[in-house]
C-alpha cells in the first residue's frame, strides 16, 4: 500500500476537525458579553478546544509520518549495526 493511501484518512480528518473547532468557537465568541454564557456555551468551548487539540495532534502525526523522526532513524541504525555485529 502506498504512503499516500495510508495518509488519506488523516488528511481528510484534519481539516474537518479544524472547521468543527473553529465553528464551535465562533458561535460562542459571537456572544456579546461574558456574563451571558450558559452551561451549553462552556461545553461548546470545551468541544472547540478538543477539536483544536485533535487537529494539532493530527498535524504532528502527519509531519512525523511524512518526514520521519530523526531520533527513530538513528535508533534503527544503531539496532541494525548491533545485529550485524552479533
C-alpha atoms as a PDB file:
ATOM      1  CA  UNK A   1       0.000   0.000   0.000  1.00  0.00           C
ATOM      2  CA  UNK A   2       1.368   3.359  -0.947  1.00  0.00           C
ATOM      3  CA  UNK A   3       2.227   6.010   1.594  1.00  0.00           C
ATOM      4  CA  UNK A   4      -0.381   8.345   0.097  1.00  0.00           C
ATOM      5  CA  UNK A   5      -3.192   5.864   0.757  1.00  0.00           C
ATOM      6  CA  UNK A   6      -2.079   5.391   4.345  1.00  0.00           C
ATOM      7  CA  UNK A   7      -2.257   9.141   4.975  1.00  0.00           C
ATOM      8  CA  UNK A   8      -5.613   9.701   3.229  1.00  0.00           C
ATOM      9  CA  UNK A   9      -7.805   9.256   6.360  1.00  0.00           C
ATOM     10  CA  UNK A  10      -5.542  11.559   8.342  1.00  0.00           C
ATOM     11  CA  UNK A  11      -5.560  14.171   5.591  1.00  0.00           C
ATOM     12  CA  UNK A  12      -9.352  14.027   5.483  1.00  0.00           C
ATOM     13  CA  UNK A  13      -9.912  14.342   9.234  1.00  0.00           C
ATOM     14  CA  UNK A  14      -7.548  17.246   9.940  1.00  0.00           C
ATOM     15  CA  UNK A  15      -9.471  19.942   8.010  1.00  0.00           C
ATOM     16  CA  UNK A  16     -12.843  18.603   9.143  1.00  0.00           C
ATOM     17  CA  UNK A  17     -11.780  18.732  12.784  1.00  0.00           C
ATOM     18  CA  UNK A  18     -10.313  22.201  12.368  1.00  0.00           C
ATOM     19  CA  UNK A  19     -13.511  23.536  10.782  1.00  0.00           C
ATOM     20  CA  UNK A  20     -15.647  21.993  13.530  1.00  0.00           C
ATOM     21  CA  UNK A  21     -13.482  23.550  16.245  1.00  0.00           C
ATOM     22  CA  UNK A  22     -13.430  26.974  14.651  1.00  0.00           C
ATOM     23  CA  UNK A  23     -17.171  26.845  14.060  1.00  0.00           C
ATOM     24  CA  UNK A  24     -17.840  25.983  17.708  1.00  0.00           C
ATOM     25  CA  UNK A  25     -15.513  28.721  18.899  1.00  0.00           C
ATOM     26  CA  UNK A  26     -17.008  31.358  16.624  1.00  0.00           C
ATOM     27  CA  UNK A  27     -20.533  30.523  17.766  1.00  0.00           C
ATOM     28  CA  UNK A  28     -19.531  31.103  21.389  1.00  0.00           C
ATOM     29  CA  UNK A  29     -17.373  34.129  20.584  1.00  0.00           C
ATOM     30  CA  UNK A  30     -20.320  35.842  18.944  1.00  0.00           C
ATOM     31  CA  UNK A  31     -21.992  36.183  22.348  1.00  0.00           C
ATOM     32  CA  UNK A  32     -21.944  39.876  23.243  1.00  0.00           C
ATOM     33  CA  UNK A  33     -20.945  39.552  26.908  1.00  0.00           C
ATOM     34  CA  UNK A  34     -19.133  37.033  29.052  1.00  0.00           C
ATOM     35  CA  UNK A  35     -21.881  37.229  31.677  1.00  0.00           C
ATOM     36  CA  UNK A  36     -24.388  35.783  29.223  1.00  0.00           C
ATOM     37  CA  UNK A  37     -22.509  32.480  28.875  1.00  0.00           C
ATOM     38  CA  UNK A  38     -24.559  29.441  29.820  1.00  0.00           C
ATOM     39  CA  UNK A  39     -23.593  25.843  30.505  1.00  0.00           C
ATOM     40  CA  UNK A  40     -24.058  24.932  26.853  1.00  0.00           C
ATOM     41  CA  UNK A  41     -21.631  27.685  25.841  1.00  0.00           C
ATOM     42  CA  UNK A  42     -18.986  26.279  28.171  1.00  0.00           C
ATOM     43  CA  UNK A  43     -19.494  22.825  26.689  1.00  0.00           C
ATOM     44  CA  UNK A  44     -19.109  24.304  23.199  1.00  0.00           C
ATOM     45  CA  UNK A  45     -15.858  25.959  24.263  1.00  0.00           C
ATOM     46  CA  UNK A  46     -14.597  22.641  25.614  1.00  0.00           C
ATOM     47  CA  UNK A  47     -15.562  20.936  22.346  1.00  0.00           C
ATOM     48  CA  UNK A  48     -13.782  23.640  20.372  1.00  0.00           C
ATOM     49  CA  UNK A  49     -10.653  23.160  22.453  1.00  0.00           C
ATOM     50  CA  UNK A  50     -10.798  19.395  21.992  1.00  0.00           C
ATOM     51  CA  UNK A  51     -11.225  19.797  18.242  1.00  0.00           C
ATOM     52  CA  UNK A  52      -8.277  22.185  18.038  1.00  0.00           C
ATOM     53  CA  UNK A  53      -6.168  19.804  20.126  1.00  0.00           C
ATOM     54  CA  UNK A  54      -7.145  16.935  17.844  1.00  0.00           C
ATOM     55  CA  UNK A  55      -6.153  18.997  14.834  1.00  0.00           C
ATOM     56  CA  UNK A  56      -2.793  19.802  16.382  1.00  0.00           C
ATOM     57  CA  UNK A  57      -2.127  16.157  17.206  1.00  0.00           C
ATOM     58  CA  UNK A  58      -3.155  15.177  13.681  1.00  0.00           C
ATOM     59  CA  UNK A  59      -0.757  17.694  12.177  1.00  0.00           C
ATOM     60  CA  UNK A  60       2.079  16.442  14.354  1.00  0.00           C
ATOM     61  CA  UNK A  61       1.374  12.822  13.388  1.00  0.00           C
ATOM     62  CA  UNK A  62       1.210  13.839   9.724  1.00  0.00           C
ATOM     63  CA  UNK A  63       4.560  15.629   9.920  1.00  0.00           C
ATOM     64  CA  UNK A  64       6.212  12.709  11.678  1.00  0.00           C
ATOM     65  CA  UNK A  65       4.836  10.214   9.151  1.00  0.00           C
ATOM     66  CA  UNK A  66       5.796  12.344   6.150  1.00  0.00           C
ATOM     67  CA  UNK A  67       9.237  13.464   7.229  1.00  0.00           C
ATOM     68  CA  UNK A  68      10.113  10.783   9.764  1.00  0.00           C
ATOM     69  CA  UNK A  69      11.637  11.233  13.146  1.00  0.00           C
ATOM     70  CA  UNK A  70      15.440  11.600  13.066  1.00  0.00           C
ATOM     71  CA  UNK A  71      15.799  10.086  16.514  1.00  0.00           C
ATOM     72  CA  UNK A  72      13.973   6.909  15.495  1.00  0.00           C
ATOM     73  CA  UNK A  73      16.088   6.612  12.340  1.00  0.00           C
ATOM     74  CA  UNK A  74      19.263   6.858  14.418  1.00  0.00           C
ATOM     75  CA  UNK A  75      17.928   4.248  16.809  1.00  0.00           C
ATOM     76  CA  UNK A  76      17.095   1.886  13.929  1.00  0.00           C
ATOM     77  CA  UNK A  77      20.582   2.330  12.517  1.00  0.00           C
ATOM     78  CA  UNK A  78      22.127   1.523  15.908  1.00  0.00           C
ATOM     79  CA  UNK A  79      19.946  -1.576  16.307  1.00  0.00           C
ATOM     80  CA  UNK A  80      20.800  -2.747  12.817  1.00  0.00           C
ATOM     81  CA  UNK A  81      24.535  -2.289  13.373  1.00  0.00           C
ATOM     82  CA  UNK A  82      24.238  -4.170  16.669  1.00  0.00           C
ATOM     83  CA  UNK A  83      22.507  -7.074  14.905  1.00  0.00           C
ATOM     84  CA  UNK A  84      25.144  -7.172  12.194  1.00  0.00           C
ATOM     85  CA  UNK A  85      27.972  -7.236  14.720  1.00  0.00           C
ATOM     86  CA  UNK A  86      26.456 -10.237  16.562  1.00  0.00           C
END
